[in-house]
Amino acid sequence: MADLKEIGKQAKAARYILAGLDTNTKNKALFTAAECLEADAADILAENAKDLEAGRSRSMPKGLLDRLSLTQKRISDMAEGLRQVAALPDPVGEILDTFTRPNGLVISKRRVPLGVIGIIYESRPNVTADAFGLCFKAGNAVILKGGSDAIFSNLAIEKSLHRALAQCNIPETAVQLIPSTDRAVTQEMMRLNESIDVLIPRGG
């Protein structure tokens, strides 16, 4: 079983570094991640083939196999998604409202990172890259729990993202995929209150 407490500890340490990154640094990392995904496409497709073969052996419905399937174009779309996130305005530090108290004290409401975000999702490998991109742009570390049907694909994508972060001297623990496919791990993840600030269940 995955050591979730250690994963949570690493994510908490990374969150403080991510919260302090400037916009240019974050955007550079997102563009680098897009390049790494495209460069690693052959490896990602090879791992995705393992997931598809396992799905066929379990008589997975055709529609679910299509959701699980990656192609060169779908990987290119994942990379383009990261580039689009990089092009978005940086939400961190945005001032939403400012008002002055009767005593002259000026108070501003501004956006700040949430901290560590946990995301539970099903067998769409593209979500691994999408979730990373959105969380990272907003200065958050993310812990991912994907569906067991896509475990090899997700691990390959995570490896590519880690390579990009390392090239940019950013902690790889900015994004961590829980490697276990044990359903009990999902329940355990939901109880990581000391590490996860926001938990997002995605899909059915």
N, C-alpha and C. Protein backbone atom coordinates (compact mmCIF):
# COMPACT_ATOMS: atom_id res chain seq x y z
N MET A 1 0.84 -1.20 0.00
CA MET A 1 0.00 0.00 0.00
C MET A 1 0.88 1.25 0.00
N ALA A 2 0.45 2.28 -0.74
CA ALA A 2 1.22 3.50 -0.83
C ALA A 2 1.35 4.17 0.54
N ASP A 3 2.50 4.78 0.79
CA ASP A 3 2.73 5.51 2.03
C ASP A 3 2.13 6.90 1.86
N LEU A 4 0.83 7.00 2.13
CA LEU A 4 0.14 8.26 1.89
C LEU A 4 0.62 9.38 2.81
N LYS A 5 1.00 9.03 4.02
CA LYS A 5 1.48 10.06 4.93
C LYS A 5 2.76 10.70 4.41
N GLU A 6 3.62 9.90 3.83
CA GLU A 6 4.85 10.44 3.26
C GLU A 6 4.56 11.29 2.03
N ILE A 7 3.62 10.82 1.20
CA ILE A 7 3.21 11.60 0.03
C ILE A 7 2.65 12.94 0.47
N GLY A 8 1.81 12.91 1.51
CA GLY A 8 1.23 14.14 2.02
C GLY A 8 2.29 15.08 2.58
N LYS A 9 3.25 14.52 3.29
CA LYS A 9 4.33 15.31 3.86
C LYS A 9 5.14 16.01 2.77
N GLN A 10 5.42 15.29 1.70
CA GLN A 10 6.19 15.87 0.60
C GLN A 10 5.39 16.96 -0.11
N ALA A 11 4.09 16.73 -0.26
CA ALA A 11 3.24 17.73 -0.91
C ALA A 11 3.18 19.01 -0.08
N LYS A 12 3.09 18.86 1.24
CA LYS A 12 3.05 20.03 2.12
C LYS A 12 4.34 20.83 2.02
N ALA A 13 5.47 20.14 1.92
CA ALA A 13 6.74 20.84 1.77
C ALA A 13 6.81 21.57 0.43
N ALA A 14 6.29 20.94 -0.62
CA ALA A 14 6.33 21.55 -1.95
C ALA A 14 5.42 22.76 -2.05
N ARG A 15 4.32 22.75 -1.31
CA ARG A 15 3.33 23.83 -1.44
C ARG A 15 3.92 25.19 -1.12
N TYR A 16 4.83 25.24 -0.17
CA TYR A 16 5.42 26.52 0.22
C TYR A 16 6.35 27.06 -0.86
N ILE A 17 7.01 26.15 -1.57
CA ILE A 17 7.87 26.57 -2.67
C ILE A 17 7.02 27.04 -3.84
N LEU A 18 5.97 26.29 -4.15
CA LEU A 18 5.11 26.64 -5.29
C LEU A 18 4.41 27.97 -5.07
N ALA A 19 3.99 28.22 -3.84
CA ALA A 19 3.28 29.46 -3.54
C ALA A 19 4.14 30.69 -3.80
N GLY A 20 5.46 30.51 -3.77
CA GLY A 20 6.36 31.63 -3.97
C GLY A 20 6.89 31.78 -5.38
N LEU A 21 6.49 30.90 -6.28
CA LEU A 21 6.98 30.99 -7.66
C LEU A 21 6.35 32.16 -8.39
N ASP A 22 7.16 32.87 -9.19
CA ASP A 22 6.59 33.96 -9.99
C ASP A 22 5.95 33.41 -11.25
N THR A 23 5.20 34.25 -11.90
CA THR A 23 4.43 33.82 -13.08
C THR A 23 5.32 33.27 -14.18
N ASN A 24 6.43 33.93 -14.47
CA ASN A 24 7.31 33.48 -15.55
C ASN A 24 7.87 32.08 -15.27
N THR A 25 8.22 31.83 -14.02
CA THR A 25 8.76 30.51 -13.66
C THR A 25 7.70 29.43 -13.85
N LYS A 26 6.48 29.71 -13.42
CA LYS A 26 5.41 28.73 -13.57
C LYS A 26 5.10 28.48 -15.04
N ASN A 27 5.05 29.54 -15.81
CA ASN A 27 4.74 29.38 -17.24
C ASN A 27 5.83 28.60 -17.96
N LYS A 28 7.09 28.89 -17.61
CA LYS A 28 8.20 28.15 -18.23
C LYS A 28 8.08 26.66 -17.92
N ALA A 29 7.72 26.32 -16.68
CA ALA A 29 7.58 24.92 -16.30
C ALA A 29 6.43 24.26 -17.06
N LEU A 30 5.34 24.99 -17.26
CA LEU A 30 4.21 24.43 -18.01
C LEU A 30 4.57 24.19 -19.47
N PHE A 31 5.29 25.13 -20.06
CA PHE A 31 5.73 24.93 -21.45
C PHE A 31 6.72 23.76 -21.54
N THR A 32 7.58 23.64 -20.56
CA THR A 32 8.53 22.52 -20.54
C THR A 32 7.80 21.20 -20.39
N ALA A 33 6.77 21.18 -19.55
CA ALA A 33 5.98 19.97 -19.36
C ALA A 33 5.30 19.56 -20.66
N ALA A 34 4.80 20.55 -21.39
CA ALA A 34 4.17 20.26 -22.69
C ALA A 34 5.18 19.64 -23.65
N GLU A 35 6.39 20.19 -23.67
CA GLU A 35 7.43 19.65 -24.54
C GLU A 35 7.81 18.23 -24.14
N CYS A 36 7.88 17.98 -22.84
CA CYS A 36 8.26 16.64 -22.37
C CYS A 36 7.18 15.61 -22.72
N LEU A 37 5.92 15.99 -22.59
CA LEU A 37 4.85 15.07 -22.96
C LEU A 37 4.97 14.66 -24.42
N GLU A 38 5.21 15.63 -25.27
CA GLU A 38 5.33 15.33 -26.70
C GLU A 38 6.58 14.50 -26.98
N ALA A 39 7.66 14.82 -26.30
CA ALA A 39 8.91 14.07 -26.51
C ALA A 39 8.79 12.64 -26.00
N ASP A 40 8.01 12.44 -24.96
CA ASP A 40 7.86 11.12 -24.34
C ASP A 40 6.65 10.35 -24.88
N ALA A 41 6.07 10.83 -25.96
CA ALA A 41 4.84 10.24 -26.47
C ALA A 41 4.95 8.73 -26.71
N ALA A 42 6.06 8.28 -27.28
CA ALA A 42 6.21 6.85 -27.57
C ALA A 42 6.16 6.02 -26.30
N ASP A 43 6.83 6.49 -25.25
CA ASP A 43 6.81 5.76 -23.98
C ASP A 43 5.42 5.77 -23.36
N ILE A 44 4.75 6.91 -23.43
CA ILE A 44 3.40 7.02 -22.86
C ILE A 44 2.44 6.10 -23.60
N LEU A 45 2.55 6.05 -24.92
CA LEU A 45 1.67 5.18 -25.71
C LEU A 45 1.95 3.71 -25.42
N ALA A 46 3.20 3.36 -25.19
CA ALA A 46 3.55 1.98 -24.87
C ALA A 46 2.92 1.56 -23.54
N GLU A 47 2.93 2.46 -22.56
CA GLU A 47 2.31 2.15 -21.27
C GLU A 47 0.80 2.13 -21.38
N ASN A 48 0.26 3.01 -22.21
CA ASN A 48 -1.18 3.03 -22.42
C ASN A 48 -1.66 1.73 -23.07
N ALA A 49 -0.81 1.15 -23.93
CA ALA A 49 -1.15 -0.12 -24.57
C ALA A 49 -1.33 -1.23 -23.53
N LYS A 50 -0.56 -1.17 -22.44
CA LYS A 50 -0.70 -2.16 -21.36
C LYS A 50 -2.07 -2.01 -20.69
N ASP A 51 -2.49 -0.77 -20.47
CA ASP A 51 -3.81 -0.54 -19.86
C ASP A 51 -4.92 -1.02 -20.78
N LEU A 52 -4.77 -0.75 -22.06
CA LEU A 52 -5.80 -1.17 -23.02
C LEU A 52 -5.89 -2.68 -23.10
N GLU A 53 -4.75 -3.35 -23.11
CA GLU A 53 -4.74 -4.82 -23.16
C GLU A 53 -5.42 -5.39 -21.92
N ALA A 54 -5.12 -4.82 -20.76
CA ALA A 54 -5.75 -5.28 -19.53
C ALA A 54 -7.25 -5.05 -19.58
N GLY A 55 -7.65 -3.91 -20.14
CA GLY A 55 -9.07 -3.61 -20.26
C GLY A 55 -9.79 -4.58 -21.17
N ARG A 56 -9.17 -4.91 -22.29
CA ARG A 56 -9.78 -5.87 -23.21
C ARG A 56 -9.89 -7.25 -22.56
N SER A 57 -8.89 -7.62 -21.77
CA SER A 57 -8.93 -8.93 -21.11
C SER A 57 -10.06 -9.02 -20.09
N ARG A 58 -10.50 -7.85 -19.60
CA ARG A 58 -11.62 -7.82 -18.66
C ARG A 58 -12.94 -7.49 -19.36
N SER A 59 -12.91 -7.54 -20.69
CA SER A 59 -14.10 -7.24 -21.49
C SER A 59 -14.65 -5.85 -21.20
N MET A 60 -13.77 -4.87 -21.09
CA MET A 60 -14.18 -3.49 -20.87
C MET A 60 -15.01 -3.01 -22.06
N PRO A 61 -16.12 -2.34 -21.83
CA PRO A 61 -16.95 -1.84 -22.93
C PRO A 61 -16.17 -0.92 -23.87
N LYS A 62 -16.58 -0.91 -25.12
CA LYS A 62 -15.87 -0.15 -26.14
C LYS A 62 -15.77 1.33 -25.78
N GLY A 63 -16.84 1.90 -25.23
CA GLY A 63 -16.83 3.31 -24.87
C GLY A 63 -15.80 3.63 -23.81
N LEU A 64 -15.64 2.73 -22.84
CA LEU A 64 -14.66 2.94 -21.79
C LEU A 64 -13.24 2.77 -22.33
N LEU A 65 -13.09 1.84 -23.26
CA LEU A 65 -11.77 1.67 -23.88
C LEU A 65 -11.37 2.92 -24.65
N ASP A 66 -12.35 3.56 -25.28
CA ASP A 66 -12.05 4.79 -26.02
C ASP A 66 -11.64 5.90 -25.06
N ARG A 67 -12.29 6.00 -23.90
CA ARG A 67 -11.90 7.01 -22.91
C ARG A 67 -10.49 6.77 -22.42
N LEU A 68 -10.14 5.51 -22.31
CA LEU A 68 -8.83 5.12 -21.79
C LEU A 68 -7.72 5.29 -22.82
N SER A 69 -8.09 5.17 -24.09
CA SER A 69 -7.10 5.14 -25.17
C SER A 69 -6.42 6.49 -25.39
N LEU A 70 -5.10 6.44 -25.56
CA LEU A 70 -4.33 7.62 -25.94
C LEU A 70 -3.82 7.44 -27.37
N THR A 71 -3.71 8.53 -28.08
CA THR A 71 -3.14 8.55 -29.41
C THR A 71 -2.12 9.70 -29.46
N GLN A 72 -1.38 9.76 -30.54
CA GLN A 72 -0.44 10.87 -30.70
C GLN A 72 -1.17 12.20 -30.60
N LYS A 73 -2.36 12.28 -31.23
CA LYS A 73 -3.12 13.53 -31.20
C LYS A 73 -3.59 13.86 -29.79
N ARG A 74 -4.04 12.85 -29.06
CA ARG A 74 -4.51 13.13 -27.70
C ARG A 74 -3.38 13.60 -26.79
N ILE A 75 -2.20 13.08 -27.02
CA ILE A 75 -1.05 13.55 -26.24
C ILE A 75 -0.71 14.99 -26.65
N SER A 76 -0.79 15.27 -27.94
CA SER A 76 -0.57 16.64 -28.40
C SER A 76 -1.61 17.60 -27.82
N ASP A 77 -2.85 17.11 -27.70
CA ASP A 77 -3.90 17.93 -27.09
C ASP A 77 -3.62 18.18 -25.61
N MET A 78 -3.08 17.17 -24.91
CA MET A 78 -2.70 17.34 -23.51
C MET A 78 -1.63 18.43 -23.39
N ALA A 79 -0.65 18.36 -24.28
CA ALA A 79 0.42 19.36 -24.27
C ALA A 79 -0.12 20.75 -24.57
N GLU A 80 -1.02 20.83 -25.54
CA GLU A 80 -1.61 22.12 -25.88
C GLU A 80 -2.43 22.67 -24.72
N GLY A 81 -3.07 21.77 -23.97
CA GLY A 81 -3.82 22.20 -22.80
C GLY A 81 -2.92 22.88 -21.78
N LEU A 82 -1.72 22.34 -21.58
CA LEU A 82 -0.78 22.96 -20.65
C LEU A 82 -0.33 24.33 -21.16
N ARG A 83 -0.14 24.44 -22.46
CA ARG A 83 0.26 25.73 -23.02
C ARG A 83 -0.86 26.76 -22.86
N GLN A 84 -2.10 26.30 -22.98
CA GLN A 84 -3.23 27.21 -22.80
C GLN A 84 -3.33 27.67 -21.35
N VAL A 85 -3.05 26.78 -20.41
CA VAL A 85 -3.06 27.16 -18.99
C VAL A 85 -1.96 28.19 -18.73
N ALA A 86 -0.80 27.99 -19.35
CA ALA A 86 0.30 28.95 -19.19
C ALA A 86 -0.10 30.33 -19.70
N ALA A 87 -0.94 30.37 -20.72
CA ALA A 87 -1.36 31.64 -21.32
C ALA A 87 -2.41 32.36 -20.48
N LEU A 88 -3.01 31.68 -19.51
CA LEU A 88 -4.02 32.30 -18.67
C LEU A 88 -3.39 33.29 -17.70
N PRO A 89 -4.14 34.30 -17.28
CA PRO A 89 -3.61 35.23 -16.26
C PRO A 89 -3.31 34.45 -14.97
N ASP A 90 -2.28 34.86 -14.28
CA ASP A 90 -1.92 34.22 -13.01
C ASP A 90 -2.91 34.66 -11.94
N PRO A 91 -3.65 33.72 -11.34
CA PRO A 91 -4.64 34.13 -10.34
C PRO A 91 -4.03 34.53 -9.00
N VAL A 92 -2.81 34.08 -8.74
CA VAL A 92 -2.19 34.33 -7.43
C VAL A 92 -1.87 35.81 -7.26
N GLY A 93 -2.35 36.39 -6.18
CA GLY A 93 -2.09 37.79 -5.90
C GLY A 93 -3.12 38.74 -6.48
N GLU A 94 -4.07 38.23 -7.28
CA GLU A 94 -5.09 39.09 -7.86
C GLU A 94 -5.94 39.72 -6.75
N ILE A 95 -6.10 41.03 -6.80
CA ILE A 95 -6.90 41.73 -5.80
C ILE A 95 -8.37 41.71 -6.23
N LEU A 96 -9.23 41.17 -5.39
CA LEU A 96 -10.64 41.03 -5.71
C LEU A 96 -11.46 42.21 -5.19
N ASP A 97 -11.04 42.76 -4.08
CA ASP A 97 -11.81 43.85 -3.48
C ASP A 97 -10.91 44.62 -2.52
N THR A 98 -11.15 45.91 -2.40
CA THR A 98 -10.42 46.75 -1.47
C THR A 98 -11.39 47.73 -0.81
N PHE A 99 -11.29 47.86 0.48
CA PHE A 99 -12.14 48.82 1.17
C PHE A 99 -11.37 49.44 2.33
N THR A 100 -11.82 50.60 2.75
CA THR A 100 -11.16 51.34 3.82
C THR A 100 -12.04 51.42 5.05
N ARG A 101 -11.49 51.05 6.18
CA ARG A 101 -12.20 51.11 7.45
C ARG A 101 -12.32 52.56 7.92
N PRO A 102 -13.27 52.84 8.81
CA PRO A 102 -13.43 54.21 9.32
C PRO A 102 -12.16 54.80 9.92
N ASN A 103 -11.29 53.93 10.44
CA ASN A 103 -10.04 54.43 11.04
C ASN A 103 -8.94 54.64 10.01
N GLY A 104 -9.27 54.46 8.73
CA GLY A 104 -8.30 54.68 7.67
C GLY A 104 -7.53 53.45 7.24
N LEU A 105 -7.75 52.32 7.93
CA LEU A 105 -7.06 51.08 7.57
C LEU A 105 -7.59 50.55 6.25
N VAL A 106 -6.70 50.32 5.30
CA VAL A 106 -7.08 49.79 3.99
C VAL A 106 -6.95 48.27 4.01
N ILE A 107 -8.03 47.58 3.66
CA ILE A 107 -8.06 46.11 3.65
C ILE A 107 -8.33 45.63 2.23
N SER A 108 -7.51 44.68 1.78
CA SER A 108 -7.70 44.11 0.44
C SER A 108 -7.97 42.62 0.53
N LYS A 109 -8.81 42.17 -0.35
CA LYS A 109 -9.08 40.73 -0.49
C LYS A 109 -8.37 40.26 -1.75
N ARG A 110 -7.47 39.27 -1.61
CA ARG A 110 -6.73 38.82 -2.79
C ARG A 110 -6.67 37.30 -2.85
N ARG A 111 -6.43 36.80 -4.05
CA ARG A 111 -6.36 35.35 -4.26
C ARG A 111 -5.01 34.82 -3.78
N VAL A 112 -5.05 33.69 -3.09
CA VAL A 112 -3.83 33.01 -2.65
C VAL A 112 -3.97 31.52 -2.97
N PRO A 113 -2.86 30.79 -3.06
CA PRO A 113 -2.96 29.35 -3.30
C PRO A 113 -3.72 28.65 -2.17
N LEU A 114 -4.38 27.56 -2.52
CA LEU A 114 -5.11 26.77 -1.52
C LEU A 114 -4.17 25.91 -0.69
N GLY A 115 -3.07 25.44 -1.29
CA GLY A 115 -2.12 24.60 -0.58
C GLY A 115 -1.89 23.28 -1.29
N VAL A 116 -2.47 22.21 -0.73
CA VAL A 116 -2.38 20.88 -1.33
C VAL A 116 -3.78 20.45 -1.77
N ILE A 117 -3.91 20.13 -3.03
CA ILE A 117 -5.20 19.69 -3.58
C ILE A 117 -5.13 18.20 -3.89
N GLY A 118 -6.11 17.47 -3.43
CA GLY A 118 -6.23 16.05 -3.76
C GLY A 118 -7.32 15.87 -4.80
N ILE A 119 -7.05 15.09 -5.83
CA ILE A 119 -8.05 14.87 -6.89
C ILE A 119 -8.19 13.37 -7.13
N ILE A 120 -9.42 12.89 -7.07
CA ILE A 120 -9.74 11.49 -7.34
C ILE A 120 -10.51 11.47 -8.66
N TYR A 121 -10.04 10.68 -9.60
CA TYR A 121 -10.69 10.68 -10.92
C TYR A 121 -10.66 9.28 -11.52
N GLU A 122 -11.40 9.12 -12.62
CA GLU A 122 -11.53 7.81 -13.23
C GLU A 122 -10.56 7.65 -14.40
N SER A 123 -10.89 6.78 -15.31
CA SER A 123 -9.91 6.31 -16.30
C SER A 123 -9.78 7.19 -17.53
N ARG A 124 -9.47 8.46 -17.31
CA ARG A 124 -9.13 9.36 -18.41
C ARG A 124 -7.71 9.86 -18.16
N PRO A 125 -6.72 9.29 -18.80
CA PRO A 125 -5.33 9.66 -18.53
C PRO A 125 -5.03 11.14 -18.73
N ASN A 126 -5.76 11.80 -19.64
CA ASN A 126 -5.49 13.21 -19.89
C ASN A 126 -5.72 14.08 -18.65
N VAL A 127 -6.56 13.59 -17.73
CA VAL A 127 -6.84 14.36 -16.52
C VAL A 127 -5.58 14.53 -15.68
N THR A 128 -4.66 13.59 -15.77
CA THR A 128 -3.42 13.67 -15.00
C THR A 128 -2.66 14.94 -15.35
N ALA A 129 -2.53 15.21 -16.63
CA ALA A 129 -1.83 16.43 -17.06
C ALA A 129 -2.68 17.67 -16.82
N ASP A 130 -3.97 17.58 -17.11
CA ASP A 130 -4.86 18.74 -16.94
C ASP A 130 -4.89 19.20 -15.48
N ALA A 131 -5.04 18.23 -14.56
CA ALA A 131 -5.13 18.57 -13.14
C ALA A 131 -3.83 19.19 -12.65
N PHE A 132 -2.73 18.62 -13.09
CA PHE A 132 -1.43 19.20 -12.72
C PHE A 132 -1.33 20.64 -13.18
N GLY A 133 -1.67 20.89 -14.44
CA GLY A 133 -1.51 22.23 -15.01
C GLY A 133 -2.30 23.28 -14.27
N LEU A 134 -3.56 22.98 -14.00
CA LEU A 134 -4.42 23.96 -13.33
C LEU A 134 -3.98 24.21 -11.90
N CYS A 135 -3.66 23.13 -11.19
CA CYS A 135 -3.22 23.29 -9.80
C CYS A 135 -1.89 24.03 -9.73
N PHE A 136 -0.97 23.68 -10.61
CA PHE A 136 0.36 24.29 -10.60
C PHE A 136 0.29 25.78 -10.92
N LYS A 137 -0.50 26.15 -11.90
CA LYS A 137 -0.62 27.55 -12.28
C LYS A 137 -1.10 28.39 -11.10
N ALA A 138 -1.96 27.81 -10.27
CA ALA A 138 -2.51 28.52 -9.11
C ALA A 138 -1.64 28.36 -7.87
N GLY A 139 -0.43 27.80 -8.04
CA GLY A 139 0.52 27.72 -6.94
C GLY A 139 0.27 26.61 -5.94
N ASN A 140 -0.45 25.56 -6.37
CA ASN A 140 -0.80 24.47 -5.47
C ASN A 140 -0.04 23.18 -5.80
N ALA A 141 0.28 22.41 -4.78
CA ALA A 141 0.75 21.04 -4.98
C ALA A 141 -0.48 20.16 -5.17
N VAL A 142 -0.33 19.04 -5.86
CA VAL A 142 -1.48 18.19 -6.12
C VAL A 142 -1.13 16.72 -5.91
N ILE A 143 -2.04 16.01 -5.26
CA ILE A 143 -1.94 14.56 -5.08
C ILE A 143 -3.06 13.94 -5.90
N LEU A 144 -2.71 13.04 -6.80
CA LEU A 144 -3.67 12.46 -7.74
C LEU A 144 -3.93 10.99 -7.43
N LYS A 145 -5.20 10.61 -7.52
CA LYS A 145 -5.58 9.19 -7.40
C LYS A 145 -6.44 8.85 -8.60
N GLY A 146 -5.78 8.28 -9.64
CA GLY A 146 -6.49 7.93 -10.86
C GLY A 146 -7.11 6.54 -10.76
N GLY A 147 -7.92 6.21 -11.75
CA GLY A 147 -8.54 4.90 -11.79
C GLY A 147 -7.53 3.80 -12.06
N SER A 148 -7.78 2.63 -11.53
CA SER A 148 -6.85 1.51 -11.70
C SER A 148 -6.72 1.10 -13.17
N ASP A 149 -7.75 1.37 -13.97
CA ASP A 149 -7.71 0.99 -15.38
C ASP A 149 -6.62 1.73 -16.15
N ALA A 150 -6.20 2.89 -15.63
CA ALA A 150 -5.25 3.73 -16.36
C ALA A 150 -3.92 3.87 -15.64
N ILE A 151 -3.61 2.96 -14.74
CA ILE A 151 -2.45 3.12 -13.87
C ILE A 151 -1.13 3.26 -14.64
N PHE A 152 -0.91 2.45 -15.66
CA PHE A 152 0.35 2.53 -16.40
C PHE A 152 0.45 3.84 -17.18
N SER A 153 -0.66 4.24 -17.79
CA SER A 153 -0.68 5.51 -18.53
C SER A 153 -0.41 6.68 -17.61
N ASN A 154 -1.07 6.69 -16.46
CA ASN A 154 -0.92 7.80 -15.52
C ASN A 154 0.50 7.90 -14.97
N LEU A 155 1.08 6.76 -14.67
CA LEU A 155 2.46 6.76 -14.16
C LEU A 155 3.43 7.28 -15.22
N ALA A 156 3.18 6.94 -16.47
CA ALA A 156 4.05 7.42 -17.55
C ALA A 156 3.93 8.94 -17.72
N ILE A 157 2.72 9.44 -17.60
CA ILE A 157 2.51 10.88 -17.71
C ILE A 157 3.15 11.59 -16.51
N GLU A 158 2.98 11.02 -15.33
CA GLU A 158 3.61 11.61 -14.14
C GLU A 158 5.13 11.67 -14.32
N LYS A 159 5.71 10.61 -14.85
CA LYS A 159 7.16 10.56 -15.06
C LYS A 159 7.60 11.70 -15.98
N SER A 160 6.82 11.95 -17.01
CA SER A 160 7.14 13.02 -17.95
C SER A 160 7.04 14.38 -17.28
N LEU A 161 6.01 14.58 -16.45
CA LEU A 161 5.83 15.84 -15.73
C LEU A 161 6.97 16.05 -14.74
N HIS A 162 7.39 14.96 -14.07
CA HIS A 162 8.50 15.06 -13.13
C HIS A 162 9.79 15.47 -13.85
N ARG A 163 9.99 14.96 -15.04
CA ARG A 163 11.18 15.30 -15.81
C ARG A 163 11.19 16.80 -16.13
N ALA A 164 10.02 17.32 -16.47
CA ALA A 164 9.92 18.74 -16.79
C ALA A 164 10.19 19.60 -15.55
N LEU A 165 9.63 19.21 -14.42
CA LEU A 165 9.84 19.98 -13.19
C LEU A 165 11.30 19.97 -12.78
N ALA A 166 11.95 18.81 -12.92
CA ALA A 166 13.36 18.70 -12.57
C ALA A 166 14.21 19.62 -13.45
N GLN A 167 13.87 19.71 -14.72
CA GLN A 167 14.60 20.59 -15.63
C GLN A 167 14.47 22.05 -15.23
N CYS A 168 13.37 22.39 -14.56
CA CYS A 168 13.11 23.77 -14.14
C CYS A 168 13.48 24.01 -12.67
N ASN A 169 14.14 23.03 -12.06
CA ASN A 169 14.55 23.14 -10.65
C ASN A 169 13.38 23.40 -9.72
N ILE A 170 12.28 22.71 -9.99
CA ILE A 170 11.07 22.78 -9.16
C ILE A 170 10.85 21.39 -8.57
N PRO A 171 10.47 21.28 -7.31
CA PRO A 171 10.29 19.96 -6.70
C PRO A 171 9.32 19.08 -7.50
N GLU A 172 9.76 17.86 -7.78
CA GLU A 172 8.90 16.93 -8.50
C GLU A 172 7.65 16.60 -7.69
N THR A 173 7.73 16.78 -6.38
CA THR A 173 6.58 16.49 -5.51
C THR A 173 5.49 17.53 -5.64
N ALA A 174 5.64 18.46 -6.58
CA ALA A 174 4.54 19.38 -6.90
C ALA A 174 3.35 18.58 -7.43
N VAL A 175 3.63 17.45 -8.06
CA VAL A 175 2.56 16.55 -8.51
C VAL A 175 2.96 15.13 -8.14
N GLN A 176 2.07 14.43 -7.45
CA GLN A 176 2.33 13.05 -7.05
C GLN A 176 1.10 12.19 -7.35
N LEU A 177 1.34 11.14 -8.08
CA LEU A 177 0.29 10.18 -8.38
C LEU A 177 0.41 9.02 -7.40
N ILE A 178 -0.66 8.70 -6.72
CA ILE A 178 -0.65 7.55 -5.81
C ILE A 178 -0.54 6.29 -6.66
N PRO A 179 0.52 5.49 -6.50
CA PRO A 179 0.75 4.36 -7.40
C PRO A 179 -0.11 3.14 -7.10
N SER A 180 -0.74 3.10 -5.95
CA SER A 180 -1.54 1.93 -5.58
C SER A 180 -2.89 1.94 -6.27
N THR A 181 -3.37 0.76 -6.65
CA THR A 181 -4.70 0.63 -7.24
C THR A 181 -5.70 0.07 -6.23
N ASP A 182 -5.27 -0.08 -4.99
CA ASP A 182 -6.12 -0.61 -3.92
C ASP A 182 -7.21 0.40 -3.59
N ARG A 183 -8.46 -0.04 -3.60
CA ARG A 183 -9.57 0.87 -3.30
C ARG A 183 -9.49 1.41 -1.88
N ALA A 184 -8.89 0.64 -1.00
CA ALA A 184 -8.77 1.09 0.39
C ALA A 184 -7.91 2.35 0.48
N VAL A 185 -7.00 2.52 -0.46
CA VAL A 185 -6.14 3.69 -0.47
C VAL A 185 -6.96 4.96 -0.72
N THR A 186 -8.00 4.84 -1.54
CA THR A 186 -8.86 5.99 -1.79
C THR A 186 -9.51 6.46 -0.50
N GLN A 187 -10.01 5.50 0.29
CA GLN A 187 -10.62 5.85 1.58
C GLN A 187 -9.59 6.49 2.51
N GLU A 188 -8.39 5.95 2.49
CA GLU A 188 -7.33 6.50 3.33
C GLU A 188 -6.97 7.92 2.89
N MET A 189 -6.95 8.15 1.59
CA MET A 189 -6.64 9.47 1.07
C MET A 189 -7.67 10.50 1.55
N MET A 190 -8.92 10.09 1.62
CA MET A 190 -9.99 11.00 2.06
C MET A 190 -9.83 11.42 3.51
N ARG A 191 -9.00 10.70 4.24
CA ARG A 191 -8.81 11.02 5.66
C ARG A 191 -7.50 11.78 5.92
N LEU A 192 -6.82 12.19 4.85
CA LEU A 192 -5.55 12.91 5.01
C LEU A 192 -5.78 14.40 5.30
N ASN A 193 -6.55 14.66 6.33
CA ASN A 193 -6.90 16.05 6.64
C ASN A 193 -5.68 16.89 7.01
N GLU A 194 -4.66 16.24 7.56
CA GLU A 194 -3.48 17.00 7.98
C GLU A 194 -2.61 17.41 6.81
N SER A 195 -2.86 16.83 5.63
CA SER A 195 -2.02 17.12 4.46
C SER A 195 -2.80 17.76 3.31
N ILE A 196 -4.00 17.30 3.07
CA ILE A 196 -4.78 17.78 1.93
C ILE A 196 -5.74 18.88 2.37
N ASP A 197 -5.64 20.04 1.72
CA ASP A 197 -6.48 21.17 2.08
C ASP A 197 -7.82 21.15 1.35
N VAL A 198 -7.82 20.65 0.12
CA VAL A 198 -9.04 20.56 -0.68
C VAL A 198 -9.06 19.22 -1.39
N LEU A 199 -10.18 18.51 -1.32
CA LEU A 199 -10.31 17.22 -2.00
C LEU A 199 -11.39 17.32 -3.06
N ILE A 200 -11.03 16.95 -4.30
CA ILE A 200 -11.96 17.05 -5.42
C ILE A 200 -12.20 15.67 -6.02
N PRO A 201 -13.40 15.11 -5.86
CA PRO A 201 -13.73 13.87 -6.57
C PRO A 201 -14.28 14.22 -7.95
N ARG A 202 -13.72 13.64 -8.99
CA ARG A 202 -14.12 13.97 -10.36
C ARG A 202 -14.73 12.77 -11.03
N GLY A 203 -15.85 12.99 -11.73
CA GLY A 203 -16.48 11.89 -12.45
C GLY A 203 -17.49 11.15 -11.59
N GLY A 204 -17.84 9.93 -12.02
CA GLY A 204 -18.90 9.15 -11.36
C GLY A 204 -18.50 8.59 -10.03
